[in-house]
Amino acid sequence: MHALLEFLLRHGYVLLLGWVFAEQAGLPLPSVPLLLAAGVLAGTGRLNIVACLLACMLAAVAADTMWYRLGRVRGIGILQWICKISLEPDSCVHRTEGIFEKYGAKALLFAKFLPGLNTVATPLAGVFHMRLRRFLVFDALGAMFWSASFLGLGFVFSEQIERIAENLRLAGGWGMALVIGGLAFYIVYKILARKKFLRDLRAARITVDELKRKLDSGEQLAIVDLRHSMDFEADPGTIPGAFRVDAKELEQKGNSLPHDRDIILYCT
């Protein structure tokens, strides 16, 4: 933490601006330690807390607006691209859609506090054509709450955080090794779990061409569109003959599906 404090003190608000923008743009650069460090420096009078807050808000809103525009232009395809690079894309997108369905634009007020949802929430706002002015208002408020929370923690507990940092420094490389090792273990676990999920999925998967051949041959199939209602609104096209069932209702409605033919499930 001491090295981080010195580095932040040397480069100041420009570092905050660039780091927060990079994280919100999707790079794996956690901003929370930097915000806490900036709060500590503000608490000791070496940085201005208001300037730190404005820098973080500007960076976050700029990156979020970029994602919003991508969602607006690319549509649902941008979520499919995010799914390829995220550790938990499937549940992440599904949860975000549920939150948007329940809270609308207000979801942007707390999306940054929920790991994994932030990167999906902003392009999703564009996918569903939220008005730009409405997006900017709620996104700026969300960025303010998020930035102020961690800057404020660092500011209020500046003495305690510096003491903890000093204890970690005295512990030598072991403390840092434990932190890095724990983070590496979590990332490897998520990657392996996702690979297993995709491997199991491929075993029971049918390609688009195979499905087309079955339909053209007149084979009787039950095709179920499991897309979330918000996905359907963004892209209402569907496979001919398919009927829609929300994924959450599939278990309850499973008995109503025909048992004398193959059942094809698809989503985004």
C-alpha atoms as a PDB file:
ATOM      1  CA  MET A   1       0.000   0.000   0.000  1.00  0.00           C
ATOM      2  CA  HIS A   2       2.875   2.373   0.778  1.00  0.00           C
ATOM      3  CA  ALA A   3       4.269   1.906  -2.745  1.00  0.00           C
ATOM      4  CA  LEU A   4       0.775   2.466  -4.153  1.00  0.00           C
ATOM      5  CA  LEU A   5       0.358   5.628  -2.064  1.00  0.00           C
ATOM      6  CA  GLU A   6       3.693   7.016  -3.245  1.00  0.00           C
ATOM      7  CA  PHE A   7       2.931   6.176  -6.879  1.00  0.00           C
ATOM      8  CA  LEU A   8      -0.511   7.777  -6.626  1.00  0.00           C
ATOM      9  CA  LEU A   9       0.919  10.847  -4.913  1.00  0.00           C
ATOM     10  CA  ARG A  10       3.461  11.247  -7.711  1.00  0.00           C
ATOM     11  CA  HIS A  11       0.995  10.896 -10.600  1.00  0.00           C
ATOM     12  CA  GLY A  12      -2.131  12.134  -8.834  1.00  0.00           C
ATOM     13  CA  TYR A  13      -5.446  12.600 -10.561  1.00  0.00           C
ATOM     14  CA  VAL A  14      -4.208  11.549 -14.017  1.00  0.00           C
ATOM     15  CA  LEU A  15      -3.527   8.051 -12.673  1.00  0.00           C
ATOM     16  CA  LEU A  16      -7.009   7.882 -11.135  1.00  0.00           C
ATOM     17  CA  LEU A  17      -8.559   9.028 -14.402  1.00  0.00           C
ATOM     18  CA  GLY A  18      -6.690   6.530 -16.573  1.00  0.00           C
ATOM     19  CA  TRP A  19      -6.923   3.567 -14.189  1.00  0.00           C
ATOM     20  CA  VAL A  20     -10.663   3.847 -13.549  1.00  0.00           C
ATOM     21  CA  PHE A  21     -11.348   4.352 -17.266  1.00  0.00           C
ATOM     22  CA  ALA A  22      -9.307   1.240 -18.122  1.00  0.00           C
ATOM     23  CA  GLU A  23     -11.137  -0.898 -15.542  1.00  0.00           C
ATOM     24  CA  GLN A  24     -14.576   0.300 -16.595  1.00  0.00           C
ATOM     25  CA  ALA A  25     -13.611  -0.267 -20.227  1.00  0.00           C
ATOM     26  CA  GLY A  26     -13.105  -3.945 -19.389  1.00  0.00           C
ATOM     27  CA  LEU A  27      -9.432  -4.402 -18.515  1.00  0.00           C
ATOM     28  CA  PRO A  28      -8.728  -6.596 -15.434  1.00  0.00           C
ATOM     29  CA  LEU A  29      -7.374  -3.692 -13.345  1.00  0.00           C
ATOM     30  CA  PRO A  30      -9.159  -3.526  -9.967  1.00  0.00           C
ATOM     31  CA  SER A  31      -9.806   0.108  -9.041  1.00  0.00           C
ATOM     32  CA  VAL A  32     -10.892  -0.389  -5.424  1.00  0.00           C
ATOM     33  CA  PRO A  33      -7.342  -0.466  -3.942  1.00  0.00           C
ATOM     34  CA  LEU A  34      -6.513   2.698  -5.875  1.00  0.00           C
ATOM     35  CA  LEU A  35      -9.674   4.462  -4.667  1.00  0.00           C
ATOM     36  CA  LEU A  36      -8.921   3.461  -1.079  1.00  0.00           C
ATOM     37  CA  ALA A  37      -5.358   4.749  -1.480  1.00  0.00           C
ATOM     38  CA  ALA A  38      -6.624   8.031  -2.919  1.00  0.00           C
ATOM     39  CA  GLY A  39      -9.006   8.326   0.036  1.00  0.00           C
ATOM     40  CA  VAL A  40      -6.111   7.744   2.448  1.00  0.00           C
ATOM     41  CA  LEU A  41      -4.070  10.516   0.780  1.00  0.00           C
ATOM     42  CA  ALA A  42      -7.086  12.829   0.873  1.00  0.00           C
ATOM     43  CA  GLY A  43      -7.573  12.012   4.544  1.00  0.00           C
ATOM     44  CA  THR A  44      -4.008  13.129   5.259  1.00  0.00           C
ATOM     45  CA  GLY A  45      -4.409  16.297   3.189  1.00  0.00           C
ATOM     46  CA  ARG A  46      -2.138  15.244   0.310  1.00  0.00           C
ATOM     47  CA  LEU A  47      -4.926  15.000  -2.306  1.00  0.00           C
ATOM     48  CA  ASN A  48      -8.216  16.821  -2.753  1.00  0.00           C
ATOM     49  CA  ILE A  49     -11.161  14.480  -2.137  1.00  0.00           C
ATOM     50  CA  VAL A  50     -13.516  16.410  -4.470  1.00  0.00           C
ATOM     51  CA  ALA A  51     -10.999  16.350  -7.317  1.00  0.00           C
ATOM     52  CA  CYS A  52     -10.528  12.592  -6.796  1.00  0.00           C
ATOM     53  CA  LEU A  53     -14.278  12.052  -6.931  1.00  0.00           C
ATOM     54  CA  LEU A  54     -14.670  14.123 -10.113  1.00  0.00           C
ATOM     55  CA  ALA A  55     -11.780  12.285 -11.812  1.00  0.00           C
ATOM     56  CA  CYS A  56     -13.290   8.882 -10.992  1.00  0.00           C
ATOM     57  CA  MET A  57     -16.768   9.928 -12.120  1.00  0.00           C
ATOM     58  CA  LEU A  58     -15.487  11.368 -15.400  1.00  0.00           C
ATOM     59  CA  ALA A  59     -13.471   8.248 -16.180  1.00  0.00           C
ATOM     60  CA  ALA A  60     -16.304   5.853 -15.302  1.00  0.00           C
ATOM     61  CA  VAL A  61     -18.979   7.726 -17.263  1.00  0.00           C
ATOM     62  CA  ALA A  62     -16.686   8.058 -20.298  1.00  0.00           C
ATOM     63  CA  ALA A  63     -16.018   4.300 -20.381  1.00  0.00           C
ATOM     64  CA  ASP A  64     -19.655   3.450 -19.686  1.00  0.00           C
ATOM     65  CA  THR A  65     -20.828   5.721 -22.507  1.00  0.00           C
ATOM     66  CA  MET A  66     -18.481   3.885 -24.859  1.00  0.00           C
ATOM     67  CA  TRP A  67     -20.111   0.563 -23.860  1.00  0.00           C
ATOM     68  CA  TYR A  68     -23.567   2.149 -24.172  1.00  0.00           C
ATOM     69  CA  ARG A  69     -22.807   3.258 -27.747  1.00  0.00           C
ATOM     70  CA  LEU A  70     -21.465  -0.202 -28.628  1.00  0.00           C
ATOM     71  CA  GLY A  71     -24.653  -1.774 -27.295  1.00  0.00           C
ATOM     72  CA  ARG A  72     -26.751   0.692 -29.246  1.00  0.00           C
ATOM     73  CA  VAL A  73     -24.868   0.091 -32.515  1.00  0.00           C
ATOM     74  CA  ARG A  74     -23.987  -3.607 -32.260  1.00  0.00           C
ATOM     75  CA  GLY A  75     -27.155  -4.742 -30.505  1.00  0.00           C
ATOM     76  CA  ILE A  76     -27.296  -8.142 -28.851  1.00  0.00           C
ATOM     77  CA  GLY A  77     -24.045  -9.090 -30.591  1.00  0.00           C
ATOM     78  CA  ILE A  78     -22.023  -7.055 -28.101  1.00  0.00           C
ATOM     79  CA  LEU A  79     -23.317  -9.253 -25.261  1.00  0.00           C
ATOM     80  CA  GLN A  80     -22.301 -12.343 -27.194  1.00  0.00           C
ATOM     81  CA  TRP A  81     -18.799 -10.891 -27.531  1.00  0.00           C
ATOM     82  CA  ILE A  82     -18.670 -10.171 -23.783  1.00  0.00           C
ATOM     83  CA  CYS A  83     -19.708 -13.781 -23.182  1.00  0.00           C
ATOM     84  CA  LYS A  84     -16.526 -14.938 -24.923  1.00  0.00           C
ATOM     85  CA  ILE A  85     -14.158 -12.970 -22.692  1.00  0.00           C
ATOM     86  CA  SER A  86     -15.930 -13.082 -19.308  1.00  0.00           C
ATOM     87  CA  LEU A  87     -15.336 -15.704 -16.609  1.00  0.00           C
ATOM     88  CA  GLU A  88     -19.048 -15.891 -15.739  1.00  0.00           C
ATOM     89  CA  PRO A  89     -20.816 -14.423 -18.774  1.00  0.00           C
ATOM     90  CA  ASP A  90     -23.909 -16.604 -18.902  1.00  0.00           C
ATOM     91  CA  SER A  91     -25.140 -16.058 -15.346  1.00  0.00           C
ATOM     92  CA  CYS A  92     -23.837 -12.495 -15.465  1.00  0.00           C
ATOM     93  CA  VAL A  93     -25.962 -11.520 -18.466  1.00  0.00           C
ATOM     94  CA  HIS A  94     -29.004 -13.364 -17.141  1.00  0.00           C
ATOM     95  CA  ARG A  95     -28.810 -11.658 -13.729  1.00  0.00           C
ATOM     96  CA  THR A  96     -28.319  -8.240 -15.306  1.00  0.00           C
ATOM     97  CA  GLU A  97     -31.353  -8.701 -17.539  1.00  0.00           C
ATOM     98  CA  GLY A  98     -33.401  -9.660 -14.486  1.00  0.00           C
ATOM     99  CA  ILE A  99     -32.209  -6.571 -12.628  1.00  0.00           C
ATOM    100  CA  PHE A 100     -32.976  -4.318 -15.622  1.00  0.00           C
ATOM    101  CA  GLU A 101     -36.409  -5.868 -15.959  1.00  0.00           C
ATOM    102  CA  LYS A 102     -37.156  -5.146 -12.286  1.00  0.00           C
ATOM    103  CA  TYR A 103     -35.488  -1.760 -11.768  1.00  0.00           C
ATOM    104  CA  GLY A 104     -34.984  -0.271 -15.239  1.00  0.00           C
ATOM    105  CA  ALA A 105     -32.487   2.605 -15.368  1.00  0.00           C
ATOM    106  CA  LYS A 106     -32.230   2.553 -11.559  1.00  0.00           C
ATOM    107  CA  ALA A 107     -30.149  -0.624 -11.915  1.00  0.00           C
ATOM    108  CA  LEU A 108     -27.265   1.611 -13.003  1.00  0.00           C
ATOM    109  CA  LEU A 109     -27.225   3.144  -9.516  1.00  0.00           C
ATOM    110  CA  PHE A 110     -25.843  -0.044  -7.941  1.00  0.00           C
ATOM    111  CA  ALA A 111     -24.511  -2.131 -10.863  1.00  0.00           C
ATOM    112  CA  LYS A 112     -20.906  -1.130 -10.118  1.00  0.00           C
ATOM    113  CA  PHE A 113     -21.134  -2.702  -6.672  1.00  0.00           C
ATOM    114  CA  LEU A 114     -22.036  -6.142  -8.089  1.00  0.00           C
ATOM    115  CA  PRO A 115     -19.006  -8.017  -9.461  1.00  0.00           C
ATOM    116  CA  GLY A 116     -19.362  -8.987 -13.106  1.00  0.00           C
ATOM    117  CA  LEU A 117     -22.564  -7.041 -13.716  1.00  0.00           C
ATOM    118  CA  ASN A 118     -21.055  -3.643 -14.383  1.00  0.00           C
ATOM    119  CA  THR A 119     -19.510  -4.522 -17.760  1.00  0.00           C
ATOM    120  CA  VAL A 120     -22.812  -6.025 -18.954  1.00  0.00           C
ATOM    121  CA  ALA A 121     -25.181  -3.394 -17.542  1.00  0.00           C
ATOM    122  CA  THR A 122     -23.949  -0.451 -19.611  1.00  0.00           C
ATOM    123  CA  PRO A 123     -24.028  -2.102 -23.068  1.00  0.00           C
ATOM    124  CA  LEU A 124     -27.370  -3.661 -22.142  1.00  0.00           C
ATOM    125  CA  ALA A 125     -28.764  -0.151 -21.620  1.00  0.00           C
ATOM    126  CA  GLY A 126     -27.742   0.604 -25.194  1.00  0.00           C
ATOM    127  CA  VAL A 127     -29.101  -2.678 -26.552  1.00  0.00           C
ATOM    128  CA  PHE A 128     -32.544  -1.817 -25.180  1.00  0.00           C
ATOM    129  CA  HIS A 129     -32.317   1.775 -26.459  1.00  0.00           C
ATOM    130  CA  MET A 130     -32.444   3.577 -23.143  1.00  0.00           C
ATOM    131  CA  ARG A 131     -32.509   7.309 -23.856  1.00  0.00           C
ATOM    132  CA  LEU A 132     -28.991   8.777 -23.704  1.00  0.00           C
ATOM    133  CA  ARG A 133     -29.948  11.563 -21.293  1.00  0.00           C
ATOM    134  CA  ARG A 134     -31.587   9.085 -18.916  1.00  0.00           C
ATOM    135  CA  PHE A 135     -28.578   6.778 -19.162  1.00  0.00           C
ATOM    136  CA  LEU A 136     -26.100   9.568 -18.415  1.00  0.00           C
ATOM    137  CA  VAL A 137     -28.048  10.791 -15.375  1.00  0.00           C
ATOM    138  CA  PHE A 138     -28.357   7.379 -13.721  1.00  0.00           C
ATOM    139  CA  ASP A 139     -24.882   6.237 -14.762  1.00  0.00           C
ATOM    140  CA  ALA A 140     -23.288   9.413 -13.358  1.00  0.00           C
ATOM    141  CA  LEU A 141     -25.169   8.937 -10.085  1.00  0.00           C
ATOM    142  CA  GLY A 142     -24.064   5.295  -9.935  1.00  0.00           C
ATOM    143  CA  ALA A 143     -20.451   6.301 -10.634  1.00  0.00           C
ATOM    144  CA  MET A 144     -20.670   8.939  -7.905  1.00  0.00           C
ATOM    145  CA  PHE A 145     -22.033   6.484  -5.297  1.00  0.00           C
ATOM    146  CA  TRP A 146     -19.412   3.869  -6.223  1.00  0.00           C
ATOM    147  CA  SER A 147     -16.457   6.283  -6.205  1.00  0.00           C
ATOM    148  CA  ALA A 148     -17.579   8.106  -3.058  1.00  0.00           C
ATOM    149  CA  SER A 149     -18.035   4.824  -1.156  1.00  0.00           C
ATOM    150  CA  PHE A 150     -14.427   3.663  -1.538  1.00  0.00           C
ATOM    151  CA  LEU A 151     -12.845   7.110  -1.481  1.00  0.00           C
ATOM    152  CA  GLY A 152     -14.854   7.790   1.677  1.00  0.00           C
ATOM    153  CA  LEU A 153     -13.707   4.553   3.318  1.00  0.00           C
ATOM    154  CA  GLY A 154     -10.102   5.448   2.646  1.00  0.00           C
ATOM    155  CA  PHE A 155     -10.675   8.995   3.884  1.00  0.00           C
ATOM    156  CA  VAL A 156     -12.391   8.017   7.141  1.00  0.00           C
ATOM    157  CA  PHE A 157     -10.090   5.088   7.988  1.00  0.00           C
ATOM    158  CA  SER A 158      -6.872   6.554   6.593  1.00  0.00           C
ATOM    159  CA  GLU A 159      -4.857   5.933   9.783  1.00  0.00           C
ATOM    160  CA  GLN A 160      -6.072   2.331  10.180  1.00  0.00           C
ATOM    161  CA  ILE A 161      -5.454   1.484   6.504  1.00  0.00           C
ATOM    162  CA  GLU A 162      -1.926   2.884   6.640  1.00  0.00           C
ATOM    163  CA  ARG A 163      -1.266   0.793   9.757  1.00  0.00           C
ATOM    164  CA  ILE A 164      -2.503  -2.369   8.015  1.00  0.00           C
ATOM    165  CA  ALA A 165      -0.363  -1.576   4.986  1.00  0.00           C
ATOM    166  CA  GLU A 166       2.675  -1.149   7.212  1.00  0.00           C
ATOM    167  CA  ASN A 167       2.023  -4.527   8.880  1.00  0.00           C
ATOM    168  CA  LEU A 168       1.776  -6.189   5.465  1.00  0.00           C
ATOM    169  CA  ARG A 169       5.044  -4.544   4.445  1.00  0.00           C
ATOM    170  CA  LEU A 170       6.743  -5.853   7.574  1.00  0.00           C
ATOM    171  CA  ALA A 171       5.418  -9.326   6.823  1.00  0.00           C
ATOM    172  CA  GLY A 172       7.591  -9.245   3.724  1.00  0.00           C
ATOM    173  CA  GLY A 173       6.656 -11.033   0.526  1.00  0.00           C
ATOM    174  CA  TRP A 174       4.499 -13.655   2.272  1.00  0.00           C
ATOM    175  CA  GLY A 175       1.484 -11.377   2.625  1.00  0.00           C
ATOM    176  CA  MET A 176       1.613 -10.341  -1.020  1.00  0.00           C
ATOM    177  CA  ALA A 177       2.177 -13.938  -2.095  1.00  0.00           C
ATOM    178  CA  LEU A 178      -0.963 -15.044  -0.225  1.00  0.00           C
ATOM    179  CA  VAL A 179      -3.060 -12.304  -1.822  1.00  0.00           C
ATOM    180  CA  ILE A 180      -1.762 -13.016  -5.332  1.00  0.00           C
ATOM    181  CA  GLY A 181      -2.063 -16.781  -4.798  1.00  0.00           C
ATOM    182  CA  GLY A 182      -5.687 -16.475  -3.654  1.00  0.00           C
ATOM    183  CA  LEU A 183      -6.586 -14.337  -6.647  1.00  0.00           C
ATOM    184  CA  ALA A 184      -4.820 -16.709  -9.055  1.00  0.00           C
ATOM    185  CA  PHE A 185      -6.606 -19.726  -7.516  1.00  0.00           C
ATOM    186  CA  TYR A 186     -10.001 -18.036  -7.947  1.00  0.00           C
ATOM    187  CA  ILE A 187      -9.339 -17.153 -11.599  1.00  0.00           C
ATOM    188  CA  VAL A 188      -8.047 -20.648 -12.444  1.00  0.00           C
ATOM    189  CA  TYR A 189     -11.056 -22.227 -10.705  1.00  0.00           C
ATOM    190  CA  LYS A 190     -13.475 -20.088 -12.718  1.00  0.00           C
ATOM    191  CA  ILE A 191     -11.707 -20.827 -16.004  1.00  0.00           C
ATOM    192  CA  LEU A 192     -11.704 -24.591 -15.370  1.00  0.00           C
ATOM    193  CA  ALA A 193     -15.368 -24.560 -14.291  1.00  0.00           C
ATOM    194  CA  ARG A 194     -16.315 -22.656 -17.451  1.00  0.00           C
ATOM    195  CA  LYS A 195     -14.355 -25.054 -19.682  1.00  0.00           C
ATOM    196  CA  LYS A 196     -16.135 -28.014 -18.093  1.00  0.00           C
ATOM    197  CA  PHE A 197     -19.498 -26.295 -18.625  1.00  0.00           C
ATOM    198  CA  LEU A 198     -18.718 -25.663 -22.306  1.00  0.00           C
ATOM    199  CA  ARG A 199     -17.434 -29.219 -22.758  1.00  0.00           C
ATOM    200  CA  ASP A 200     -20.641 -30.655 -21.294  1.00  0.00           C
ATOM    201  CA  LEU A 201     -22.670 -28.269 -23.419  1.00  0.00           C
ATOM    202  CA  ARG A 202     -20.962 -29.341 -26.654  1.00  0.00           C
ATOM    203  CA  ALA A 203     -21.769 -32.992 -25.908  1.00  0.00           C
ATOM    204  CA  ALA A 204     -25.477 -32.235 -26.120  1.00  0.00           C
ATOM    205  CA  ARG A 205     -25.314 -29.522 -28.780  1.00  0.00           C
ATOM    206  CA  ILE A 206     -26.824 -29.405 -32.245  1.00  0.00           C
ATOM    207  CA  THR A 207     -25.514 -26.994 -34.872  1.00  0.00           C
ATOM    208  CA  VAL A 208     -27.655 -24.583 -36.847  1.00  0.00           C
ATOM    209  CA  ASP A 209     -27.027 -26.557 -40.058  1.00  0.00           C
ATOM    210  CA  GLU A 210     -28.026 -29.833 -38.400  1.00  0.00           C
ATOM    211  CA  LEU A 211     -31.249 -28.285 -37.122  1.00  0.00           C
ATOM    212  CA  LYS A 212     -31.985 -26.848 -40.576  1.00  0.00           C
ATOM    213  CA  ARG A 213     -31.541 -30.282 -42.180  1.00  0.00           C
ATOM    214  CA  LYS A 214     -33.898 -31.844 -39.646  1.00  0.00           C
ATOM    215  CA  LEU A 215     -36.546 -29.197 -40.299  1.00  0.00           C
ATOM    216  CA  ASP A 216     -36.181 -29.480 -44.077  1.00  0.00           C
ATOM    217  CA  SER A 217     -36.588 -33.249 -43.879  1.00  0.00           C
ATOM    218  CA  GLY A 218     -39.900 -32.808 -42.056  1.00  0.00           C
ATOM    219  CA  GLU A 219     -38.712 -34.327 -38.783  1.00  0.00           C
ATOM    220  CA  GLN A 220     -41.040 -33.527 -35.889  1.00  0.00           C
ATOM    221  CA  LEU A 221     -39.209 -31.422 -33.303  1.00  0.00           C
ATOM    222  CA  ALA A 222     -40.150 -29.349 -30.290  1.00  0.00           C
ATOM    223  CA  ILE A 223     -38.131 -26.112 -30.461  1.00  0.00           C
ATOM    224  CA  VAL A 224     -38.121 -23.972 -27.320  1.00  0.00           C
ATOM    225  CA  ASP A 225     -36.934 -20.351 -27.324  1.00  0.00           C
ATOM    226  CA  LEU A 226     -35.481 -19.767 -23.832  1.00  0.00           C
ATOM    227  CA  ARG A 227     -34.372 -16.178 -24.406  1.00  0.00           C
ATOM    228  CA  HIS A 228     -35.128 -13.621 -21.734  1.00  0.00           C
ATOM    229  CA  SER A 229     -38.036 -11.335 -22.611  1.00  0.00           C
ATOM    230  CA  MET A 230     -35.630  -8.385 -22.895  1.00  0.00           C
ATOM    231  CA  ASP A 231     -33.466 -10.317 -25.377  1.00  0.00           C
ATOM    232  CA  PHE A 232     -36.582 -11.113 -27.393  1.00  0.00           C
ATOM    233  CA  GLU A 233     -37.609  -7.444 -27.467  1.00  0.00           C
ATOM    234  CA  ALA A 234     -34.148  -6.481 -28.727  1.00  0.00           C
ATOM    235  CA  ASP A 235     -34.170  -9.209 -31.423  1.00  0.00           C
ATOM    236  CA  PRO A 236     -37.720 -10.566 -31.944  1.00  0.00           C
ATOM    237  CA  GLY A 237     -36.784 -12.971 -34.735  1.00  0.00           C
ATOM    238  CA  THR A 238     -37.229 -16.644 -33.861  1.00  0.00           C
ATOM    239  CA  ILE A 239     -36.892 -20.106 -35.431  1.00  0.00           C
ATOM    240  CA  PRO A 240     -40.074 -21.084 -37.298  1.00  0.00           C
ATOM    241  CA  GLY A 241     -42.301 -23.272 -35.145  1.00  0.00           C
ATOM    242  CA  ALA A 242     -40.520 -22.404 -31.896  1.00  0.00           C
ATOM    243  CA  PHE A 243     -42.459 -21.382 -28.810  1.00  0.00           C
ATOM    244  CA  ARG A 244     -41.156 -19.167 -26.053  1.00  0.00           C
ATOM    245  CA  VAL A 245     -40.698 -20.244 -22.441  1.00  0.00           C
ATOM    246  CA  ASP A 246     -38.783 -18.232 -19.880  1.00  0.00           C
ATOM    247  CA  ALA A 247     -35.786 -20.208 -18.603  1.00  0.00           C
ATOM    248  CA  LYS A 248     -37.032 -19.761 -15.025  1.00  0.00           C
ATOM    249  CA  GLU A 249     -40.346 -21.421 -15.972  1.00  0.00           C
ATOM    250  CA  LEU A 250     -38.846 -24.361 -17.853  1.00  0.00           C
ATOM    251  CA  GLU A 251     -38.814 -26.684 -14.835  1.00  0.00           C
ATOM    252  CA  GLN A 252     -42.454 -25.924 -13.988  1.00  0.00           C
ATOM    253  CA  LYS A 253     -43.599 -26.297 -17.603  1.00  0.00           C
ATOM    254  CA  GLY A 254     -41.385 -29.282 -18.402  1.00  0.00           C
ATOM    255  CA  ASN A 255     -44.289 -31.736 -18.191  1.00  0.00           C
ATOM    256  CA  SER A 256     -46.151 -29.826 -20.895  1.00  0.00           C
ATOM    257  CA  LEU A 257     -43.380 -30.430 -23.450  1.00  0.00           C
ATOM    258  CA  PRO A 258     -44.001 -33.301 -25.890  1.00  0.00           C
ATOM    259  CA  HIS A 259     -42.285 -36.577 -25.008  1.00  0.00           C
ATOM    260  CA  ASP A 260     -42.522 -38.225 -28.427  1.00  0.00           C
ATOM    261  CA  ARG A 261     -39.899 -36.105 -30.210  1.00  0.00           C
ATOM    262  CA  ASP A 262     -36.541 -34.451 -29.753  1.00  0.00           C
ATOM    263  CA  ILE A 263     -36.628 -31.178 -27.832  1.00  0.00           C
ATOM    264  CA  ILE A 264     -34.315 -28.397 -29.020  1.00  0.00           C
ATOM    265  CA  LEU A 265     -33.571 -25.594 -26.561  1.00  0.00           C
ATOM    266  CA  TYR A 266     -31.898 -22.367 -27.595  1.00  0.00           C
ATOM    267  CA  CYS A 267     -31.134 -18.955 -26.138  1.00  0.00           C
ATOM    268  CA  THR A 268     -28.706 -16.105 -26.870  1.00  0.00           C
END
